[in-house]
Amino acid sequence: MRRNLEDRNIRKILRNGDSYAVTLPIEIVRELKWIKKQKVVVRKSGSKIIIEDWKR
């Protein structure tokens, strides 16, 4: 069952062992040209989480 357009970016938090995961919308991953096993940086800014490409 497909979600409505306004609900497309609503995601659930999943638990995998001692870690948590959130799936990202495929449109965003394709737009950023991210690939499988790519390294990213996760940081907190106020009450938001920011995910950025890892720079060497």
N, C-alpha and C. Protein backbone atom coordinates (compact mmCIF):
# COMPACT_ATOMS: atom_id res chain seq x y z
N MET A 1 0.84 -1.18 0.00
CA MET A 1 0.00 0.00 0.00
C MET A 1 0.89 1.25 0.00
N ARG A 2 0.65 2.14 -0.92
CA ARG A 2 1.44 3.36 -1.03
C ARG A 2 0.89 4.44 -0.13
N ARG A 3 1.77 5.28 0.36
CA ARG A 3 1.36 6.40 1.21
C ARG A 3 0.89 7.57 0.35
N ASN A 4 0.09 8.42 0.95
CA ASN A 4 -0.29 9.66 0.29
C ASN A 4 0.95 10.53 0.13
N LEU A 5 0.93 11.46 -0.80
CA LEU A 5 2.09 12.31 -1.03
C LEU A 5 2.49 13.10 0.21
N GLU A 6 1.53 13.58 0.97
CA GLU A 6 1.86 14.37 2.16
C GLU A 6 2.42 13.50 3.29
N ASP A 7 2.17 12.19 3.27
CA ASP A 7 2.66 11.27 4.30
C ASP A 7 3.93 10.53 3.87
N ARG A 8 4.45 10.80 2.68
CA ARG A 8 5.56 10.03 2.13
C ARG A 8 6.83 10.13 2.98
N ASN A 9 7.06 11.24 3.64
CA ASN A 9 8.29 11.42 4.41
C ASN A 9 8.14 11.07 5.88
N ILE A 10 7.03 10.50 6.28
CA ILE A 10 6.85 10.04 7.66
C ILE A 10 7.49 8.66 7.78
N ARG A 11 8.42 8.50 8.71
CA ARG A 11 9.17 7.26 8.86
C ARG A 11 9.12 6.77 10.30
N LYS A 12 9.34 5.47 10.48
CA LYS A 12 9.40 4.88 11.82
C LYS A 12 10.85 4.67 12.22
N ILE A 13 11.10 4.69 13.52
CA ILE A 13 12.42 4.38 14.05
C ILE A 13 12.45 2.89 14.33
N LEU A 14 13.45 2.20 13.77
CA LEU A 14 13.60 0.76 13.94
C LEU A 14 14.75 0.49 14.89
N ARG A 15 14.67 -0.63 15.60
CA ARG A 15 15.76 -1.01 16.50
C ARG A 15 16.44 -2.25 15.95
N ASN A 16 17.76 -2.20 15.90
CA ASN A 16 18.56 -3.30 15.38
C ASN A 16 19.67 -3.58 16.39
N GLY A 17 19.43 -4.48 17.31
CA GLY A 17 20.40 -4.75 18.38
C GLY A 17 20.50 -3.55 19.30
N ASP A 18 21.70 -2.97 19.43
CA ASP A 18 21.90 -1.79 20.28
C ASP A 18 21.82 -0.49 19.49
N SER A 19 21.48 -0.57 18.21
CA SER A 19 21.42 0.62 17.36
C SER A 19 19.98 0.90 16.92
N TYR A 20 19.78 2.11 16.48
CA TYR A 20 18.50 2.51 15.92
C TYR A 20 18.70 2.91 14.47
N ALA A 21 17.65 2.75 13.65
CA ALA A 21 17.75 3.06 12.23
C ALA A 21 16.48 3.73 11.75
N VAL A 22 16.65 4.59 10.76
CA VAL A 22 15.52 5.23 10.09
C VAL A 22 15.78 5.08 8.59
N THR A 23 14.80 4.59 7.85
CA THR A 23 14.98 4.49 6.41
C THR A 23 14.80 5.86 5.78
N LEU A 24 15.60 6.13 4.77
CA LEU A 24 15.54 7.41 4.07
C LEU A 24 14.73 7.25 2.79
N PRO A 25 13.99 8.28 2.40
CA PRO A 25 13.24 8.19 1.14
C PRO A 25 14.20 8.03 -0.04
N ILE A 26 13.90 7.12 -0.95
CA ILE A 26 14.77 6.83 -2.08
C ILE A 26 14.99 8.06 -2.95
N GLU A 27 14.01 8.94 -3.03
CA GLU A 27 14.15 10.14 -3.85
C GLU A 27 15.30 11.02 -3.32
N ILE A 28 15.40 11.12 -2.00
CA ILE A 28 16.46 11.93 -1.39
C ILE A 28 17.82 11.28 -1.59
N VAL A 29 17.91 9.96 -1.42
CA VAL A 29 19.18 9.25 -1.60
C VAL A 29 19.65 9.39 -3.05
N ARG A 30 18.75 9.27 -3.99
CA ARG A 30 19.13 9.41 -5.41
C ARG A 30 19.55 10.84 -5.73
N GLU A 31 18.85 11.82 -5.17
CA GLU A 31 19.18 13.22 -5.41
C GLU A 31 20.58 13.56 -4.89
N LEU A 32 20.94 12.99 -3.74
CA LEU A 32 22.26 13.22 -3.15
C LEU A 32 23.34 12.34 -3.77
N LYS A 33 22.93 11.38 -4.62
CA LYS A 33 23.84 10.44 -5.28
C LYS A 33 24.63 9.62 -4.28
N TRP A 34 23.96 9.23 -3.17
CA TRP A 34 24.59 8.37 -2.19
C TRP A 34 24.53 6.93 -2.68
N ILE A 35 25.52 6.12 -2.25
CA ILE A 35 25.59 4.73 -2.68
C ILE A 35 25.63 3.81 -1.46
N LYS A 36 25.47 2.54 -1.72
CA LYS A 36 25.49 1.53 -0.67
C LYS A 36 26.83 1.55 0.06
N LYS A 37 26.80 1.45 1.38
CA LYS A 37 27.97 1.44 2.27
C LYS A 37 28.77 2.74 2.27
N GLN A 38 28.17 3.81 1.81
CA GLN A 38 28.84 5.11 1.84
C GLN A 38 28.94 5.59 3.28
N LYS A 39 30.05 6.22 3.62
CA LYS A 39 30.22 6.76 4.97
C LYS A 39 29.54 8.12 5.07
N VAL A 40 28.82 8.33 6.15
CA VAL A 40 28.16 9.60 6.41
C VAL A 40 28.47 10.05 7.84
N VAL A 41 28.30 11.32 8.10
CA VAL A 41 28.51 11.89 9.43
C VAL A 41 27.13 12.25 9.99
N VAL A 42 26.87 11.82 11.22
CA VAL A 42 25.61 12.13 11.89
C VAL A 42 25.92 13.03 13.07
N ARG A 43 25.24 14.18 13.13
CA ARG A 43 25.47 15.09 14.25
C ARG A 43 24.15 15.71 14.67
N LYS A 44 24.14 16.19 15.90
CA LYS A 44 22.95 16.82 16.47
C LYS A 44 23.13 18.32 16.45
N SER A 45 22.10 19.04 16.04
CA SER A 45 22.11 20.50 16.03
C SER A 45 20.80 20.96 16.67
N GLY A 46 20.88 21.31 17.94
CA GLY A 46 19.65 21.66 18.66
C GLY A 46 18.78 20.43 18.82
N SER A 47 17.56 20.49 18.30
CA SER A 47 16.65 19.34 18.39
C SER A 47 16.58 18.59 17.06
N LYS A 48 17.54 18.84 16.15
CA LYS A 48 17.54 18.19 14.84
C LYS A 48 18.75 17.28 14.69
N ILE A 49 18.63 16.30 13.81
CA ILE A 49 19.73 15.42 13.45
C ILE A 49 20.12 15.76 12.02
N ILE A 50 21.42 15.94 11.79
CA ILE A 50 21.92 16.28 10.46
C ILE A 50 22.79 15.12 9.98
N ILE A 51 22.51 14.65 8.77
CA ILE A 51 23.28 13.56 8.15
C ILE A 51 23.97 14.16 6.92
N GLU A 52 25.30 14.09 6.92
CA GLU A 52 26.09 14.67 5.84
C GLU A 52 27.06 13.65 5.28
N ASP A 53 27.46 13.85 4.04
CA ASP A 53 28.48 13.01 3.43
C ASP A 53 29.78 13.15 4.22
N TRP A 54 30.51 12.05 4.39
CA TRP A 54 31.77 12.06 5.12
C TRP A 54 32.86 12.61 4.21
N LYS A 55 33.56 13.63 4.66
CA LYS A 55 34.67 14.20 3.91
C LYS A 55 35.97 13.71 4.53
N ARG A 56 36.89 13.24 3.72
CA ARG A 56 38.18 12.74 4.22
C ARG A 56 39.01 13.82 4.81
